[in-house]
C-alpha atoms as a PDB file:
ATOM      1  CA  MET A   1      20.021  -6.780  -2.251  1.00  0.00           C
ATOM      2  CA  SER A   2      18.322  -7.128   1.122  1.00  0.00           C
ATOM      3  CA  THR A   3      16.124 -10.152   1.670  1.00  0.00           C
ATOM      4  CA  LEU A   4      12.490 -10.204   2.669  1.00  0.00           C
ATOM      5  CA  ASN A   5      13.520 -11.577   6.059  1.00  0.00           C
ATOM      6  CA  ASP A   6      15.901  -8.627   6.563  1.00  0.00           C
ATOM      7  CA  HIS A   7      13.085  -6.152   5.975  1.00  0.00           C
ATOM      8  CA  VAL A   8      10.660  -8.075   8.179  1.00  0.00           C
ATOM      9  CA  ASN A   9      13.184  -8.062  11.024  1.00  0.00           C
ATOM     10  CA  THR A  10      13.888  -4.342  10.635  1.00  0.00           C
ATOM     11  CA  LEU A  11      10.259  -3.260  10.573  1.00  0.00           C
ATOM     12  CA  ALA A  12       9.072  -5.675  13.280  1.00  0.00           C
ATOM     13  CA  ASP A  13      11.824  -4.489  15.633  1.00  0.00           C
ATOM     14  CA  TYR A  14      10.919  -0.861  14.917  1.00  0.00           C
ATOM     15  CA  ILE A  15       7.263  -1.559  15.718  1.00  0.00           C
ATOM     16  CA  HIS A  16       8.081  -3.341  18.983  1.00  0.00           C
ATOM     17  CA  ASP A  17      10.252  -0.412  20.106  1.00  0.00           C
ATOM     18  CA  ALA A  18       7.476   2.095  19.336  1.00  0.00           C
ATOM     19  CA  ARG A  19       4.769   0.080  21.113  1.00  0.00           C
ATOM     20  CA  ALA A  20       6.362   0.831  24.469  1.00  0.00           C
ATOM     21  CA  SER A  21       4.914   4.354  24.391  1.00  0.00           C
ATOM     22  CA  GLN A  22       1.655   4.014  22.369  1.00  0.00           C
ATOM     23  CA  SER A  23      -1.520   1.972  22.718  1.00  0.00           C
ATOM     24  CA  ARG A  24      -2.146   1.897  18.949  1.00  0.00           C
ATOM     25  CA  LEU A  25       0.326   2.185  16.088  1.00  0.00           C
ATOM     26  CA  ILE A  26      -0.562   2.902  12.481  1.00  0.00           C
ATOM     27  CA  VAL A  27       2.261   1.715  10.242  1.00  0.00           C
ATOM     28  CA  ALA A  28       2.477   2.865   6.616  1.00  0.00           C
ATOM     29  CA  ILE A  29       4.316   0.757   4.037  1.00  0.00           C
ATOM     30  CA  ALA A  30       4.646   2.814   0.855  1.00  0.00           C
ATOM     31  CA  GLY A  31       6.281   2.248  -2.500  1.00  0.00           C
ATOM     32  CA  ALA A  32       5.761   1.969  -6.222  1.00  0.00           C
ATOM     33  CA  PRO A  33       3.485  -0.685  -7.728  1.00  0.00           C
ATOM     34  CA  GLY A  34       5.335  -3.994  -7.824  1.00  0.00           C
ATOM     35  CA  SER A  35       7.791  -3.056  -5.067  1.00  0.00           C
ATOM     36  CA  GLY A  36       6.575  -5.780  -2.703  1.00  0.00           C
ATOM     37  CA  LYS A  37       4.416  -3.815  -0.256  1.00  0.00           C
ATOM     38  CA  SER A  38       1.705  -6.457   0.085  1.00  0.00           C
ATOM     39  CA  THR A  39       4.237  -9.221   0.634  1.00  0.00           C
ATOM     40  CA  LEU A  40       6.144  -7.245   3.235  1.00  0.00           C
ATOM     41  CA  ALA A  41       2.976  -6.189   5.069  1.00  0.00           C
ATOM     42  CA  ARG A  42       1.723  -9.780   5.161  1.00  0.00           C
ATOM     43  CA  GLU A  43       5.016 -11.153   6.465  1.00  0.00           C
ATOM     44  CA  VAL A  44       5.452  -8.442   9.099  1.00  0.00           C
ATOM     45  CA  ALA A  45       1.920  -9.158  10.300  1.00  0.00           C
ATOM     46  CA  ARG A  46       2.751 -12.871  10.450  1.00  0.00           C
ATOM     47  CA  ARG A  47       5.905 -12.156  12.465  1.00  0.00           C
ATOM     48  CA  LEU A  48       4.120  -9.842  14.918  1.00  0.00           C
ATOM     49  CA  THR A  49       1.346 -12.372  15.416  1.00  0.00           C
ATOM     50  CA  GLN A  50       3.911 -15.059  16.215  1.00  0.00           C
ATOM     51  CA  GLN A  51       5.409 -12.647  18.737  1.00  0.00           C
ATOM     52  CA  LYS A  52       2.023 -12.224  20.490  1.00  0.00           C
ATOM     53  CA  CYS A  53       1.423  -8.759  19.040  1.00  0.00           C
ATOM     54  CA  PRO A  54      -2.062  -8.595  17.447  1.00  0.00           C
ATOM     55  CA  CYS A  55      -2.126  -6.719  14.148  1.00  0.00           C
ATOM     56  CA  ILE A  56      -4.074  -6.364  10.934  1.00  0.00           C
ATOM     57  CA  VAL A  57      -3.195  -5.340   7.369  1.00  0.00           C
ATOM     58  CA  VAL A  58      -5.322  -2.810   5.461  1.00  0.00           C
ATOM     59  CA  PRO A  59      -4.528  -2.253   1.753  1.00  0.00           C
ATOM     60  CA  MET A  60      -5.045   1.221   0.315  1.00  0.00           C
ATOM     61  CA  ASP A  61      -6.241  -0.351  -2.958  1.00  0.00           C
ATOM     62  CA  GLY A  62      -9.732  -0.874  -1.532  1.00  0.00           C
ATOM     63  CA  PHE A  63     -10.255   2.850  -2.087  1.00  0.00           C
ATOM     64  CA  HIS A  64     -10.064   2.575  -5.889  1.00  0.00           C
ATOM     65  CA  LEU A  65     -12.917   4.509  -7.493  1.00  0.00           C
ATOM     66  CA  ASP A  66     -15.386   2.278  -9.326  1.00  0.00           C
ATOM     67  CA  ASN A  67     -14.934   1.825 -13.076  1.00  0.00           C
ATOM     68  CA  ALA A  68     -18.257   3.603 -13.745  1.00  0.00           C
ATOM     69  CA  VAL A  69     -16.932   6.704 -11.954  1.00  0.00           C
ATOM     70  CA  LEU A  70     -13.640   6.498 -13.826  1.00  0.00           C
ATOM     71  CA  ASP A  71     -15.505   6.171 -17.133  1.00  0.00           C
ATOM     72  CA  ALA A  72     -17.597   9.240 -16.288  1.00  0.00           C
ATOM     73  CA  HIS A  73     -14.402  11.240 -15.792  1.00  0.00           C
ATOM     74  CA  GLY A  74     -12.611   9.707 -18.772  1.00  0.00           C
ATOM     75  CA  ILE A  75      -9.717   8.338 -16.725  1.00  0.00           C
ATOM     76  CA  ARG A  76     -10.304   4.598 -16.635  1.00  0.00           C
ATOM     77  CA  ASN A  77      -7.143   4.044 -18.689  1.00  0.00           C
ATOM     78  CA  ARG A  78      -5.204   5.644 -15.824  1.00  0.00           C
ATOM     79  CA  LYS A  79      -6.607   3.358 -13.115  1.00  0.00           C
ATOM     80  CA  GLY A  80      -4.045   3.204 -10.328  1.00  0.00           C
ATOM     81  CA  ALA A  81      -2.980   6.857 -10.736  1.00  0.00           C
ATOM     82  CA  PRO A  82      -3.555   9.179  -7.741  1.00  0.00           C
ATOM     83  CA  ALA A  83      -6.717  10.725  -9.229  1.00  0.00           C
ATOM     84  CA  THR A  84      -8.385   7.302  -9.519  1.00  0.00           C
ATOM     85  CA  PHE A  85      -8.655   6.789  -5.739  1.00  0.00           C
ATOM     86  CA  ASP A  86     -11.056   8.207  -3.166  1.00  0.00           C
ATOM     87  CA  VAL A  87      -8.260  10.020  -1.368  1.00  0.00           C
ATOM     88  CA  TYR A  88     -10.507  12.072   0.905  1.00  0.00           C
ATOM     89  CA  GLY A  89     -12.500   9.017   1.924  1.00  0.00           C
ATOM     90  CA  PHE A  90      -9.227   7.250   2.629  1.00  0.00           C
ATOM     91  CA  VAL A  91      -7.982  10.139   4.788  1.00  0.00           C
ATOM     92  CA  ARG A  92     -11.246  10.052   6.763  1.00  0.00           C
ATOM     93  CA  PHE A  93     -10.825   6.310   7.208  1.00  0.00           C
ATOM     94  CA  ILE A  94      -7.275   6.657   8.560  1.00  0.00           C
ATOM     95  CA  ASN A  95      -8.427   9.434  10.903  1.00  0.00           C
ATOM     96  CA  ALA A  96     -11.092   7.037  12.248  1.00  0.00           C
ATOM     97  CA  ILE A  97      -8.386   4.441  12.941  1.00  0.00           C
ATOM     98  CA  LYS A  98      -6.243   7.142  14.532  1.00  0.00           C
ATOM     99  CA  SER A  99      -9.075   7.970  16.929  1.00  0.00           C
ATOM    100  CA  GLU A 100      -9.204   4.263  17.853  1.00  0.00           C
ATOM    101  CA  GLY A 101     -12.601   3.758  16.295  1.00  0.00           C
ATOM    102  CA  HIS A 102     -14.057   0.402  15.239  1.00  0.00           C
ATOM    103  CA  VAL A 103     -14.069   0.573  11.447  1.00  0.00           C
ATOM    104  CA  PHE A 104     -14.494  -1.562   8.328  1.00  0.00           C
ATOM    105  CA  ALA A 105     -12.320  -1.296   5.232  1.00  0.00           C
ATOM    106  CA  PRO A 106     -12.884  -2.234   1.587  1.00  0.00           C
ATOM    107  CA  VAL A 107     -10.536  -4.484  -0.383  1.00  0.00           C
ATOM    108  CA  PHE A 108      -9.725  -4.496  -4.099  1.00  0.00           C
ATOM    109  CA  ASP A 109     -10.293  -7.689  -6.087  1.00  0.00           C
ATOM    110  CA  ARG A 110      -7.750  -7.361  -8.903  1.00  0.00           C
ATOM    111  CA  ALA A 111      -9.083 -10.313 -10.885  1.00  0.00           C
ATOM    112  CA  ARG A 112     -12.601  -8.821 -10.975  1.00  0.00           C
ATOM    113  CA  ASP A 113     -11.316  -5.222 -11.057  1.00  0.00           C
ATOM    114  CA  ILE A 114     -13.694  -4.057  -8.315  1.00  0.00           C
ATOM    115  CA  SER A 115     -13.557  -2.903  -4.700  1.00  0.00           C
ATOM    116  CA  ILE A 116     -15.531  -4.879  -2.126  1.00  0.00           C
ATOM    117  CA  ALA A 117     -16.953  -2.826   0.748  1.00  0.00           C
ATOM    118  CA  GLY A 118     -16.685  -3.812   4.400  1.00  0.00           C
ATOM    119  CA  ALA A 119     -14.296  -6.694   3.792  1.00  0.00           C
ATOM    120  CA  ILE A 120     -11.825  -6.015   6.630  1.00  0.00           C
ATOM    121  CA  GLU A 121     -12.820  -5.351  10.230  1.00  0.00           C
ATOM    122  CA  VAL A 122     -10.488  -3.199  12.318  1.00  0.00           C
ATOM    123  CA  PRO A 123     -11.480  -3.516  16.005  1.00  0.00           C
ATOM    124  CA  ALA A 124     -11.080  -0.489  18.231  1.00  0.00           C
ATOM    125  CA  ASP A 125      -8.595  -2.350  20.432  1.00  0.00           C
ATOM    126  CA  MET A 126      -6.304  -3.549  17.609  1.00  0.00           C
ATOM    127  CA  PRO A 127      -2.839  -2.394  18.745  1.00  0.00           C
ATOM    128  CA  VAL A 128      -1.068  -2.410  15.352  1.00  0.00           C
ATOM    129  CA  VAL A 129      -2.647  -1.515  12.008  1.00  0.00           C
ATOM    130  CA  ILE A 130      -0.392  -1.953   8.982  1.00  0.00           C
ATOM    131  CA  VAL A 131      -1.520   0.035   5.939  1.00  0.00           C
ATOM    132  CA  GLU A 132       0.116  -0.633   2.580  1.00  0.00           C
ATOM    133  CA  GLY A 133      -0.256   1.346  -0.623  1.00  0.00           C
ATOM    134  CA  ASN A 134       1.399   3.336  -3.368  1.00  0.00           C
ATOM    135  CA  TYR A 135       0.559   6.857  -2.229  1.00  0.00           C
ATOM    136  CA  LEU A 136       0.814   6.755   1.561  1.00  0.00           C
ATOM    137  CA  MET A 137       3.808   9.125   1.565  1.00  0.00           C
ATOM    138  CA  PHE A 138       3.083  11.080  -1.602  1.00  0.00           C
ATOM    139  CA  ASP A 139       3.559  14.829  -1.909  1.00  0.00           C
ATOM    140  CA  ALA A 140       0.370  15.867  -3.717  1.00  0.00           C
ATOM    141  CA  GLU A 141      -2.939  17.494  -2.824  1.00  0.00           C
ATOM    142  CA  GLY A 142      -5.021  15.315  -0.525  1.00  0.00           C
ATOM    143  CA  TRP A 143      -2.381  12.617  -0.217  1.00  0.00           C
ATOM    144  CA  ARG A 144       0.057  14.717   1.803  1.00  0.00           C
ATOM    145  CA  ASP A 145      -2.641  14.998   4.511  1.00  0.00           C
ATOM    146  CA  LEU A 146      -1.866  11.388   5.388  1.00  0.00           C
ATOM    147  CA  ALA A 147       1.723  11.980   6.466  1.00  0.00           C
ATOM    148  CA  PRO A 148       0.934  13.308   9.995  1.00  0.00           C
ATOM    149  CA  LEU A 149      -1.408  10.379  10.672  1.00  0.00           C
ATOM    150  CA  TRP A 150       1.188   7.603  10.484  1.00  0.00           C
ATOM    151  CA  ASP A 151       3.167   6.548  13.562  1.00  0.00           C
ATOM    152  CA  ILE A 152       5.791   4.647  11.544  1.00  0.00           C
ATOM    153  CA  THR A 153       6.552   5.042   7.843  1.00  0.00           C
ATOM    154  CA  ALA A 154       8.564   2.712   5.619  1.00  0.00           C
ATOM    155  CA  ARG A 155       9.180   2.852   1.882  1.00  0.00           C
ATOM    156  CA  LEU A 156      10.332   0.024  -0.376  1.00  0.00           C
ATOM    157  CA  GLU A 157      12.651   1.191  -3.135  1.00  0.00           C
ATOM    158  CA  VAL A 158      13.166  -1.060  -6.178  1.00  0.00           C
ATOM    159  CA  PRO A 159      14.916  -0.027  -9.426  1.00  0.00           C
ATOM    160  CA  LEU A 160      12.588   0.777 -12.334  1.00  0.00           C
ATOM    161  CA  PRO A 161      13.835  -2.057 -14.610  1.00  0.00           C
ATOM    162  CA  GLU A 162      12.979  -4.581 -11.911  1.00  0.00           C
ATOM    163  CA  LEU A 163       9.598  -2.931 -11.307  1.00  0.00           C
ATOM    164  CA  ARG A 164       8.849  -3.133 -15.038  1.00  0.00           C
ATOM    165  CA  ALA A 165       9.538  -6.866 -15.109  1.00  0.00           C
ATOM    166  CA  ARG A 166       7.385  -7.487 -12.045  1.00  0.00           C
ATOM    167  CA  LEU A 167       4.494  -5.409 -13.351  1.00  0.00           C
ATOM    168  CA  ILE A 168       4.448  -7.193 -16.693  1.00  0.00           C
ATOM    169  CA  GLN A 169       4.451 -10.512 -14.835  1.00  0.00           C
ATOM    170  CA  ARG A 170       1.546  -9.299 -12.671  1.00  0.00           C
ATOM    171  CA  TRP A 171      -0.623  -8.777 -15.755  1.00  0.00           C
ATOM    172  CA  LEU A 172       0.553 -12.053 -17.299  1.00  0.00           C
ATOM    173  CA  SER A 173      -0.593 -13.839 -14.144  1.00  0.00           C
ATOM    174  CA  LEU A 174      -4.108 -12.520 -14.859  1.00  0.00           C
ATOM    175  CA  ASN A 175      -4.024 -14.274 -18.270  1.00  0.00           C
ATOM    176  CA  TYR A 176      -3.345 -11.224 -20.414  1.00  0.00           C
ATOM    177  CA  SER A 177      -1.182 -11.684 -23.499  1.00  0.00           C
ATOM    178  CA  ARG A 178       2.407 -10.478 -23.281  1.00  0.00           C
ATOM    179  CA  ALA A 179       1.629  -7.586 -25.630  1.00  0.00           C
ATOM    180  CA  VAL A 180      -1.301  -6.409 -23.501  1.00  0.00           C
ATOM    181  CA  ALA A 181       0.583  -7.016 -20.240  1.00  0.00           C
ATOM    182  CA  THR A 182       3.523  -4.955 -21.492  1.00  0.00           C
ATOM    183  CA  GLN A 183       1.218  -2.158 -22.699  1.00  0.00           C
ATOM    184  CA  ARG A 184      -0.583  -2.008 -19.352  1.00  0.00           C
ATOM    185  CA  ALA A 185       2.674  -1.914 -17.430  1.00  0.00           C
ATOM    186  CA  GLU A 186       4.406   0.657 -19.634  1.00  0.00           C
ATOM    187  CA  GLY A 187       1.324   2.741 -20.409  1.00  0.00           C
ATOM    188  CA  ASN A 188       0.188   3.290 -16.833  1.00  0.00           C
ATOM    189  CA  ASP A 189       1.969   1.412 -14.044  1.00  0.00           C
ATOM    190  CA  ILE A 190       5.466   2.688 -14.835  1.00  0.00           C
ATOM    191  CA  ALA A 191       4.181   6.273 -15.109  1.00  0.00           C
ATOM    192  CA  ASN A 192       2.657   5.889 -11.640  1.00  0.00           C
ATOM    193  CA  ALA A 193       5.900   4.411 -10.307  1.00  0.00           C
ATOM    194  CA  LYS A 194       7.891   7.367 -11.626  1.00  0.00           C
ATOM    195  CA  ALA A 195       5.454   9.831 -10.028  1.00  0.00           C
ATOM    196  CA  ILE A 196       5.767   8.050  -6.680  1.00  0.00           C
ATOM    197  CA  ILE A 197       9.562   8.159  -6.848  1.00  0.00           C
ATOM    198  CA  GLU A 198       9.640  11.830  -7.887  1.00  0.00           C
ATOM    199  CA  ASN A 199       7.122  12.985  -5.239  1.00  0.00           C
ATOM    200  CA  ALA A 200       8.127  10.831  -2.288  1.00  0.00           C
ATOM    201  CA  LEU A 201       7.916  12.295   1.215  1.00  0.00           C
ATOM    202  CA  PRO A 202      10.607  11.356   3.783  1.00  0.00           C
ATOM    203  CA  CYS A 203      10.023   8.082   5.645  1.00  0.00           C
ATOM    204  CA  ASP A 204      11.350   6.674   8.902  1.00  0.00           C
ATOM    205  CA  LEU A 205      12.729   3.613   7.104  1.00  0.00           C
ATOM    206  CA  ILE A 206      13.974   3.189   3.525  1.00  0.00           C
ATOM    207  CA  LEU A 207      14.112  -0.495   2.589  1.00  0.00           C
ATOM    208  CA  ASN A 208      16.235  -0.957  -0.511  1.00  0.00           C
ATOM    209  CA  GLY A 209      15.316  -3.748  -2.864  1.00  0.00           C
ATOM    210  CA  MET A 210      13.461  -6.949  -2.182  1.00  0.00           C
ATOM    211  CA  PRO A 211      13.069 -10.181  -4.124  1.00  0.00           C
ATOM    212  CA  SER A 212       9.680 -10.524  -5.807  1.00  0.00           C
ATOM    213  CA  GLN A 213       7.322 -13.113  -4.378  1.00  0.00           C
END
């Protein structure tokens, strides 16, 4: 299995090579829940910053629909599935970054289960924007509109048994019982992971396996 450092080196080098011809790069890190996207994005950003390349990380999860909206549509139990995000708002947001606008992004507070508006500032002159999320390279209505907007695409691929273990641990870390954590992982997260795997669009880089953090 490749290490986190291996993936950081690969993606950072790819970004540096691409910067020679573009003033702003939008980098998409896609993958199933629990695959390590947030960790990889954070560490790549740390590496680029050390190498005097300003960058910022924007998580897709800030575009979760609010629980009240999900309740109104009867899909709160599927939170995290494609239909539970504001995909069209997210596409508009990425288009604004693409046009080198000065924008603000929401973030998702998992412990409180809410999105917080305007939590990340993306200056117009930020040369590298790293976006991480489950459905960035997902072949479904609305989501596939994102594919032409990315300058670099990378997908983390982790076997389903490993994803299952990580996802159960994620819910345990939020103080759920093992029974509830297992139900949440198997009842929703794993279904989303399978959909992502089955409907994945081609990426520039496929990063196989990564230790959990």
